[in-house]
Structure formats: structure tokens, C-alpha cells
Amino acid sequence: IVHCHGYNLFIANMLQLFCRLYGKKIIFSEHSAGGFNLNKYMDVAGYADAFIFQSKFAASLYERYAAKSHIVYLGVDTEKFRLLPGIKKTGKIVCVGRLLPHKGIDYVIRAAGKDIGLEIYGRPYDGEYYKYLQSLAGGGNIRFITDANDDRIVEAYNSAAASVLASVHVTYDGRHHRAPELFGLVVAEAMACGTAAIVANTSSLPELVEN
């Protein structure tokens, strides 16, 4: 199984070539991979015997291999992400995820304004974007929690009125992101905690939440 995540597409390409050379079966799965991609020059992905995708949107990125493709939606650990007894819902909104431009958190901050309580949970992987978000949040009822563990996030989901994921294809600085959400696991986690989910109409997200 060639599992592609992060910035290792080139490594995945090499593994596919190796498996092809030695006659091994290849099952390919991509999870927001990046980096140098040999598929631009030769059909390395076509060597795969099967593809497993976590959404219809993810499969659409490899439409030419539809005959070999299978969709298996991701699951949630419902022993961890669950309704907790004794926690009351508040009027706050939560955003959970890596603090990266394609997550569209700047849109959520603007929408929240100064009156709606907003808690943003995630590691600041992009320092410039984090500073931009902080400048947008100035003076508002907005908190950034960058060191939360799973237990704290589960409590946040349980006490929130809603969880928002506003991922975008075009970021605040004009960059294009072809696959902002191949699944959007935080949406499923929030719903497993009994929390309403609000999502952008982008990539895989319409597959997870009914309009």
C-alpha cells in the first residue's frame, strides 16, 4: 500500500516504481500530498492496481482511474469523540484544525465580529498567517488555543453551539489550493460530540453535511 501524506509525493512515486519493477501489487491512497510529482512526466499513478479515496471529491482528482477507484469514508473514534455528561452548551463557536491559509479561518473571524465568542484550536504552522489572524481578531471575543490535547478539544466541541470549517480553494493572499479538504475529519469529530457543523461549500465538505 502506497500511502501518500504531507510532502512525500516523490517518495510515493519511487515506491510505485519499485513495486512495478518487482511485480508487487500497489494500492494507492493520497492524503493531501505535495512535493515533486513524477506523474507530470509519466503515468506512475497508473501502475496502481487500485485506489482508495476518502471522499468523492478526492476520487475526482484522479478521475482518469475511476475504474480502479474505491471510496472509503474516514471514521471517528467514538469512544473518544462523544457526548460528555454534565457539559452545557454555550453560545460560542469553535474552529479546530491546523492554522493554515487554506482553512479559511480569516473568514470565520470576520463573520464572528466582536460579539460572537470564537475559540480557535490548532497549531500555528504558518507564522505569517497566524499573525494575520491575530490582527483580524484584535478587540474581538476571540481566543487562540494552540496547545490543546484531544481531551480539551472534545470538551470544546461538547460546550460549543457549533463547529465551523470554512476551507477555501483561494487563500487570503491569492494562492490556489487544489484540495483544501479531502475529507474534513474535524467535521465528523464535532458531529460525533453532538455539535452542529457549519462548513464551506468546497471540496469534500458538502459530502459530510446536509444543506
Protein backbone atom coordinates (compact mmCIF):
# COMPACT_ATOMS: atom_id res chain seq x y z
CA ILE A 1 0.00 0.00 0.00
CA VAL A 2 1.42 3.37 -1.03
CA HIS A 3 0.03 5.90 1.45
CA CYS A 4 0.68 9.50 0.46
CA HIS A 5 0.60 12.24 3.11
CA GLY A 6 2.21 15.63 3.62
CA TYR A 7 5.03 16.44 1.21
CA ASN A 8 6.16 12.99 0.07
CA LEU A 9 4.60 12.51 -3.37
CA PHE A 10 8.05 11.89 -4.83
CA ILE A 11 8.66 9.11 -2.28
CA ALA A 12 5.29 7.62 -3.20
CA ASN A 13 6.27 7.77 -6.88
CA MET A 14 9.50 5.92 -6.10
CA LEU A 15 7.62 3.25 -4.15
CA GLN A 16 5.23 2.78 -7.05
CA LEU A 17 8.13 2.35 -9.47
CA PHE A 18 9.80 -0.12 -7.09
CA CYS A 19 6.59 -2.18 -6.77
CA ARG A 20 6.13 -2.14 -10.54
CA LEU A 21 9.70 -3.33 -11.06
CA TYR A 22 9.30 -6.26 -8.63
CA GLY A 23 5.75 -7.20 -9.61
CA LYS A 24 4.13 -6.20 -6.32
CA LYS A 25 0.51 -5.10 -6.12
CA ILE A 26 0.02 -1.38 -5.50
CA ILE A 27 -2.91 0.18 -3.61
CA PHE A 28 -2.63 3.96 -3.70
CA SER A 29 -4.12 6.41 -1.19
CA GLU A 30 -3.48 10.16 -1.09
CA HIS A 31 -3.98 12.38 1.95
CA SER A 32 -3.08 15.96 0.94
CA ALA A 33 0.27 15.08 -0.53
CA GLY A 34 2.57 17.63 -2.11
CA GLY A 35 6.10 17.99 -3.39
CA PHE A 36 7.68 16.94 -6.68
CA ASN A 37 5.32 14.72 -8.65
CA LEU A 38 6.60 12.37 -11.37
CA ASN A 39 3.05 12.00 -12.69
CA LYS A 40 3.56 15.27 -14.54
CA TYR A 41 6.05 13.47 -16.80
CA MET A 42 4.97 9.81 -16.77
CA ASP A 43 1.88 7.88 -15.68
CA VAL A 44 3.32 6.50 -12.43
CA ALA A 45 -0.09 6.52 -10.71
CA GLY A 46 -1.41 4.30 -13.49
CA TYR A 47 0.78 1.47 -12.17
CA ALA A 48 -1.55 1.13 -9.16
CA ASP A 49 -3.84 -1.90 -9.06
CA ALA A 50 -6.41 0.01 -7.01
CA PHE A 51 -7.02 3.43 -5.47
CA ILE A 52 -8.67 4.09 -2.12
CA PHE A 53 -10.07 7.58 -1.59
CA GLN A 54 -11.75 9.09 1.48
CA SER A 55 -14.37 11.08 -0.45
CA LYS A 56 -15.92 11.51 -3.89
CA PHE A 57 -14.05 14.79 -4.18
CA ALA A 58 -10.71 13.07 -3.51
CA ALA A 59 -11.54 10.49 -6.18
CA SER A 60 -12.38 13.26 -8.65
CA LEU A 61 -8.76 14.43 -8.54
CA TYR A 62 -7.80 11.07 -10.11
CA GLU A 63 -10.83 10.76 -12.39
CA ARG A 64 -8.87 9.01 -15.13
CA TYR A 65 -8.51 6.00 -12.81
CA ALA A 66 -12.20 5.79 -11.88
CA ALA A 67 -12.42 2.13 -12.92
CA LYS A 68 -9.85 1.23 -10.25
CA SER A 69 -11.12 3.59 -7.55
CA HIS A 70 -12.92 2.83 -4.30
CA ILE A 71 -14.30 5.34 -1.78
CA VAL A 72 -13.97 4.57 1.93
CA TYR A 73 -15.03 7.47 4.13
CA LEU A 74 -12.90 8.07 7.20
CA GLY A 75 -14.10 7.05 10.64
CA VAL A 76 -14.09 8.63 14.10
CA ASP A 77 -13.10 7.10 17.43
CA THR A 78 -16.50 7.42 19.12
CA GLU A 79 -15.10 6.30 22.46
CA LYS A 80 -13.05 9.50 22.49
CA PHE A 81 -15.23 11.89 20.47
CA ARG A 82 -18.62 11.57 22.18
CA LEU A 83 -21.25 13.38 24.19
CA LEU A 84 -19.93 14.16 27.67
CA PRO A 85 -22.33 14.18 30.63
CA GLY A 86 -22.78 17.39 32.59
CA ILE A 87 -21.45 19.84 29.97
CA LYS A 88 -23.87 22.58 28.96
CA LYS A 89 -23.95 24.15 25.53
CA THR A 90 -22.83 27.78 25.34
CA GLY A 91 -23.19 30.34 22.58
CA LYS A 92 -19.58 30.06 21.48
CA ILE A 93 -18.33 28.79 18.13
CA VAL A 94 -15.22 26.61 17.71
CA CYS A 95 -12.78 26.12 14.84
CA VAL A 96 -10.46 23.12 15.03
CA GLY A 97 -7.55 22.40 12.69
CA ARG A 98 -4.08 23.43 11.63
CA LEU A 99 -3.71 27.19 11.36
CA LEU A 100 -3.01 27.32 7.63
CA PRO A 101 -4.37 29.75 5.00
CA HIS A 102 -6.49 27.18 3.15
CA LYS A 103 -8.51 26.53 6.34
CA GLY A 104 -10.26 29.90 5.80
CA ILE A 105 -10.17 30.87 9.47
CA ASP A 106 -9.91 34.54 8.46
CA TYR A 107 -13.43 34.29 7.03
CA VAL A 108 -14.74 32.89 10.32
CA ILE A 109 -13.10 35.68 12.33
CA ARG A 110 -14.68 38.31 10.10
CA ALA A 111 -18.08 36.65 10.36
CA ALA A 112 -17.87 36.38 14.15
CA GLY A 113 -17.18 40.08 14.59
CA LYS A 114 -16.81 41.36 18.13
CA ASP A 115 -19.96 39.89 19.65
CA ILE A 116 -19.78 36.15 18.96
CA GLY A 117 -17.45 34.09 21.16
CA LEU A 118 -15.00 32.19 18.95
CA GLU A 119 -12.37 29.67 20.08
CA ILE A 120 -9.75 28.59 17.55
CA TYR A 121 -7.90 25.34 18.30
CA GLY A 122 -4.84 24.40 16.28
CA ARG A 123 -1.09 24.56 15.86
CA PRO A 124 0.23 27.68 14.03
CA TYR A 125 2.04 26.00 11.12
CA ASP A 126 2.27 29.28 9.19
CA GLY A 127 3.68 32.12 11.30
CA GLU A 128 2.71 34.87 8.88
CA TYR A 129 -0.87 33.64 8.65
CA TYR A 130 -1.07 33.33 12.45
CA LYS A 131 -0.04 36.98 12.84
CA TYR A 132 -2.63 37.94 10.23
CA LEU A 133 -5.35 36.09 12.14
CA GLN A 134 -4.33 37.75 15.39
CA SER A 135 -4.53 41.17 13.74
CA LEU A 136 -8.04 40.38 12.47
CA ALA A 137 -9.10 39.20 15.92
CA GLY A 138 -7.88 42.33 17.73
CA GLY A 139 -10.55 43.63 20.09
CA GLY A 140 -12.93 40.74 19.46
CA ASN A 141 -14.19 37.97 21.71
CA ILE A 142 -11.76 35.51 20.11
CA ARG A 143 -9.29 33.09 21.72
CA PHE A 144 -6.47 31.07 20.14
CA ILE A 145 -5.62 27.77 21.86
CA THR A 146 -2.50 26.36 20.21
CA ASP A 147 -1.56 23.59 22.66
CA ALA A 148 -4.81 21.71 23.27
CA ASN A 149 -4.84 17.93 23.55
CA ASP A 150 -7.70 15.72 22.35
CA ASP A 151 -9.49 15.76 25.70
CA ARG A 152 -9.68 19.55 25.73
CA ILE A 153 -10.91 19.61 22.14
CA VAL A 154 -13.64 17.08 22.96
CA GLU A 155 -14.76 19.33 25.83
CA ALA A 156 -14.72 22.33 23.48
CA TYR A 157 -16.92 20.52 20.96
CA ASN A 158 -19.35 19.49 23.69
CA SER A 159 -19.78 23.01 25.04
CA ALA A 160 -19.95 24.80 21.66
CA ALA A 161 -23.08 25.86 19.81
CA ALA A 162 -21.41 24.93 16.53
CA SER A 163 -18.12 23.93 14.94
CA VAL A 164 -17.08 25.76 11.75
CA LEU A 165 -14.78 24.62 8.95
CA ALA A 166 -14.51 27.28 6.23
CA SER A 167 -11.81 25.83 3.99
CA VAL A 168 -11.15 27.66 0.72
CA HIS A 169 -9.60 26.98 -2.67
CA VAL A 170 -8.20 30.52 -2.91
CA THR A 171 -6.47 31.80 0.25
CA TYR A 172 -6.35 35.32 1.68
CA ASP A 173 -3.10 36.02 -0.18
CA GLY A 174 -4.37 34.80 -3.56
CA ARG A 175 -2.78 31.34 -3.59
CA HIS A 176 -4.78 28.46 -5.07
CA HIS A 177 -5.19 25.19 -3.17
CA ARG A 178 -6.49 22.31 -5.29
CA ALA A 179 -7.64 20.15 -2.36
CA PRO A 180 -8.32 22.10 0.84
CA GLU A 181 -10.23 19.18 2.37
CA LEU A 182 -10.02 15.64 1.06
CA PHE A 183 -12.37 14.66 3.89
CA GLY A 184 -12.52 17.16 6.80
CA LEU A 185 -12.20 14.81 9.77
CA VAL A 186 -12.85 17.55 12.35
CA VAL A 187 -16.39 17.87 10.95
CA ALA A 188 -17.14 14.22 11.72
CA GLU A 189 -15.49 14.54 15.15
CA ALA A 190 -17.67 17.53 16.04
CA MET A 191 -20.84 15.74 14.98
CA ALA A 192 -19.82 12.66 17.00
CA CYS A 193 -19.83 15.01 20.02
CA GLY A 194 -23.38 16.13 19.20
CA THR A 195 -22.27 19.52 17.91
CA ALA A 196 -23.74 21.22 14.86
CA ALA A 197 -21.30 21.55 11.96
CA ILE A 198 -21.14 24.54 9.62
CA VAL A 199 -18.93 24.09 6.56
CA ALA A 200 -17.92 25.90 3.40
CA ASN A 201 -19.28 24.65 0.09
CA THR A 202 -15.83 23.49 -1.03
CA SER A 203 -14.07 20.25 -1.93
CA SER A 204 -15.35 17.25 0.11
CA LEU A 205 -17.28 19.20 2.75
CA PRO A 206 -20.74 19.07 1.07
CA GLU A 207 -20.46 15.28 1.27
CA LEU A 208 -20.33 15.42 5.07
CA VAL A 209 -23.05 17.93 5.95
CA GLU A 210 -26.56 18.19 4.53
CA ASN A 211 -27.53 21.72 3.45
